[in-house]
Each structure stands twice: as C-alpha cells, then as structure tokens.
Amino acid sequence: QVLLVESGGGLVQPGGSLRLSCAASGSIFSDNFIGWYRQAPGKERELVATITSISRSDTTNYADSVKDRFTISRDSVKNTVYLQMNSLKPEDTAVYYCAAGPVYSGIYYANYWGQGTQVTVSS
C-alpha cells in the first residue's frame, strides 16, 4: 500500500513561486512514475509533470503549459517528490494532486493518489 501526502500549496501573487511536496510511504520510486496533476474548477484534470525512475535513471516530462516554469524532482532518501513552480500565472490556480503508479507503453497508470493541495495565484 502506498500513501501519498501533499503539502506546500497556498496563495501567491502572479509571478511568484511555490514548491509543492509529495511524501510517499512505501517503495514507489523504482520502475514507477510519480507525477503532479491539477484540476481547476470546471476543467478536466490535467497532467502537469512526471518523473519516472527506471534502472536508476530519471526521466521527466512536462505539460506544454508549464514547461520552463515548473521543475519536478525527487529525493529518494526522503521518499519525496517536489514540484517547484516559478513565474506563476492566474491560470495555474487549481487543486494539485500527487499520483503514482506504473508506466506501460508510455501510458501512466495512476493507481495511487494524494488528497490534493490548493494553489491559488491571485493579486
């Protein structure tokens, strides 16, 4: 059983930064992905960023909407994944969820989910 707990959300002004954390219980990094999704009111859930660890090599992927502004990283000692968000825009406002699971043929199977953390970008 894997438990994911997010933290770090909050209110920030446009252009500001936040760092989200996802603490994972259990061994989830090996041969799995951990990613961040977000869902804004009235919109579908969007995959924002993923980090996949296979054979001790990390691969990251980002949605076009956040590329060059967000960075996903992991600390395997702390079993924690981070999402550093810079140059935040009002359209980044959403509930951000951490998720994890296997990857098959390039498809992410998010079998485990955190409870979500609210990010609000507003002046």
Protein backbone atom coordinates (compact mmCIF):
# COMPACT_ATOMS: atom_id res chain seq x y z
CA GLN A 1 0.00 0.00 0.00
CA VAL A 2 1.32 3.43 -0.96
CA LEU A 3 0.29 6.61 0.80
CA LEU A 4 0.93 10.00 -0.80
CA VAL A 5 0.69 13.22 1.19
CA GLU A 6 0.97 16.61 -0.50
CA SER A 7 1.93 19.89 1.11
CA GLY A 8 3.08 23.36 0.13
CA GLY A 9 0.04 24.85 -1.54
CA GLY A 10 -1.22 28.33 -0.81
CA LEU A 11 -1.92 31.79 -2.13
CA VAL A 12 0.73 33.53 -4.21
CA GLN A 13 0.80 36.61 -6.40
CA PRO A 14 1.29 36.34 -10.17
CA GLY A 15 4.97 35.93 -10.96
CA GLY A 16 5.64 34.31 -7.62
CA SER A 17 6.87 30.84 -6.71
CA LEU A 18 5.73 27.87 -4.68
CA ARG A 19 7.18 24.45 -4.01
CA LEU A 20 4.88 21.50 -3.56
CA SER A 21 6.00 18.35 -1.79
CA CYS A 22 4.67 14.82 -2.07
CA ALA A 23 5.82 12.48 0.67
CA ALA A 24 5.40 8.83 -0.22
CA SER A 25 5.21 5.90 2.17
CA GLY A 26 6.34 2.60 0.77
CA SER A 27 8.75 1.95 -2.06
CA ILE A 28 7.29 3.71 -5.07
CA PHE A 29 10.16 5.17 -6.98
CA SER A 30 11.61 2.10 -8.64
CA ASP A 31 10.10 1.38 -12.08
CA ASN A 32 7.15 3.70 -11.43
CA PHE A 33 6.24 7.24 -12.19
CA ILE A 34 5.28 9.91 -9.73
CA GLY A 35 3.52 12.90 -11.12
CA TRP A 36 1.55 16.02 -10.43
CA TYR A 37 -1.91 16.55 -11.83
CA ARG A 38 -4.06 19.60 -11.38
CA GLN A 39 -7.73 20.35 -11.70
CA ALA A 40 -9.23 23.80 -11.92
CA PRO A 41 -12.93 24.46 -11.31
CA GLY A 42 -14.99 23.44 -14.32
CA LYS A 43 -12.00 21.92 -16.11
CA GLU A 44 -10.71 18.43 -16.65
CA ARG A 45 -7.82 17.07 -14.67
CA GLU A 46 -4.51 17.85 -16.36
CA LEU A 47 -1.21 16.01 -16.09
CA VAL A 48 1.37 18.66 -15.24
CA ALA A 49 4.67 16.88 -14.70
CA THR A 50 6.05 13.39 -14.18
CA ILE A 51 9.27 11.82 -13.05
CA THR A 52 9.91 8.19 -13.93
CA SER A 53 12.67 6.13 -12.41
CA ILE A 54 13.74 3.07 -14.37
CA SER A 55 17.06 1.33 -13.80
CA ARG A 56 18.14 4.21 -11.54
CA SER A 57 17.71 6.72 -14.34
CA ASP A 58 15.17 9.55 -14.01
CA THR A 59 13.11 10.86 -16.89
CA THR A 60 10.96 13.96 -16.56
CA ASN A 61 8.08 15.20 -18.68
CA TYR A 62 6.06 18.41 -18.55
CA ALA A 63 2.85 19.75 -20.00
CA ASP A 64 3.50 22.49 -22.55
CA SER A 65 1.64 24.95 -20.33
CA VAL A 66 4.23 24.64 -17.55
CA LYS A 67 7.41 23.84 -19.44
CA ASP A 68 10.32 26.12 -18.49
CA ARG A 69 8.42 27.32 -15.40
CA PHE A 70 7.91 24.15 -13.34
CA THR A 71 10.52 21.61 -12.28
CA ILE A 72 9.83 18.18 -10.85
CA SER A 73 12.49 16.45 -8.79
CA ARG A 74 12.80 13.72 -6.20
CA ASP A 75 14.73 12.93 -3.05
CA SER A 76 14.94 9.16 -2.82
CA VAL A 77 16.33 9.28 0.71
CA LYS A 78 13.31 11.24 1.93
CA ASN A 79 10.91 9.39 -0.42
CA THR A 80 9.64 12.78 -1.52
CA VAL A 81 8.87 14.35 -4.88
CA TYR A 82 8.85 18.11 -5.34
CA LEU A 83 7.25 20.44 -7.83
CA GLN A 84 8.99 23.80 -7.98
CA MET A 85 6.65 26.30 -9.60
CA ASN A 86 8.05 29.62 -10.79
CA SER A 87 6.57 32.53 -12.71
CA LEU A 88 3.11 31.50 -11.59
CA LYS A 89 0.10 32.72 -13.53
CA PRO A 90 -3.55 33.02 -12.52
CA GLU A 91 -4.33 30.13 -14.87
CA ASP A 92 -2.13 27.89 -12.70
CA THR A 93 -4.80 28.13 -9.99
CA ALA A 94 -6.06 24.63 -9.27
CA VAL A 95 -6.01 21.77 -6.82
CA TYR A 96 -2.75 19.92 -7.34
CA TYR A 97 -2.64 16.17 -6.81
CA CYS A 98 0.30 13.87 -6.46
CA ALA A 99 -0.15 10.46 -8.09
CA ALA A 100 1.96 7.39 -8.69
CA GLY A 101 1.91 4.07 -10.47
CA PRO A 102 3.36 2.05 -13.32
CA VAL A 103 4.03 3.14 -16.87
CA TYR A 104 3.14 0.78 -19.71
CA SER A 105 3.78 1.64 -23.35
CA GLY A 106 4.12 5.30 -22.45
CA ILE A 107 0.80 5.42 -20.59
CA TYR A 108 0.74 6.49 -16.96
CA TYR A 109 -1.43 4.39 -14.69
CA ALA A 110 -2.05 6.50 -11.61
CA ASN A 111 -3.04 3.85 -9.10
CA TYR A 112 -2.28 5.95 -6.02
CA TRP A 113 -3.43 9.49 -5.28
CA GLY A 114 -2.85 12.09 -2.64
CA GLN A 115 -5.59 14.22 -1.13
CA GLY A 116 -4.68 17.35 -3.11
CA THR A 117 -3.39 20.78 -2.19
CA GLN A 118 -4.88 24.11 -3.31
CA VAL A 119 -2.75 26.56 -5.26
CA THR A 120 -4.23 29.99 -5.85
CA VAL A 121 -2.46 32.61 -7.95
CA SER A 122 -4.05 35.99 -7.48
CA SER A 123 -3.18 39.58 -6.74
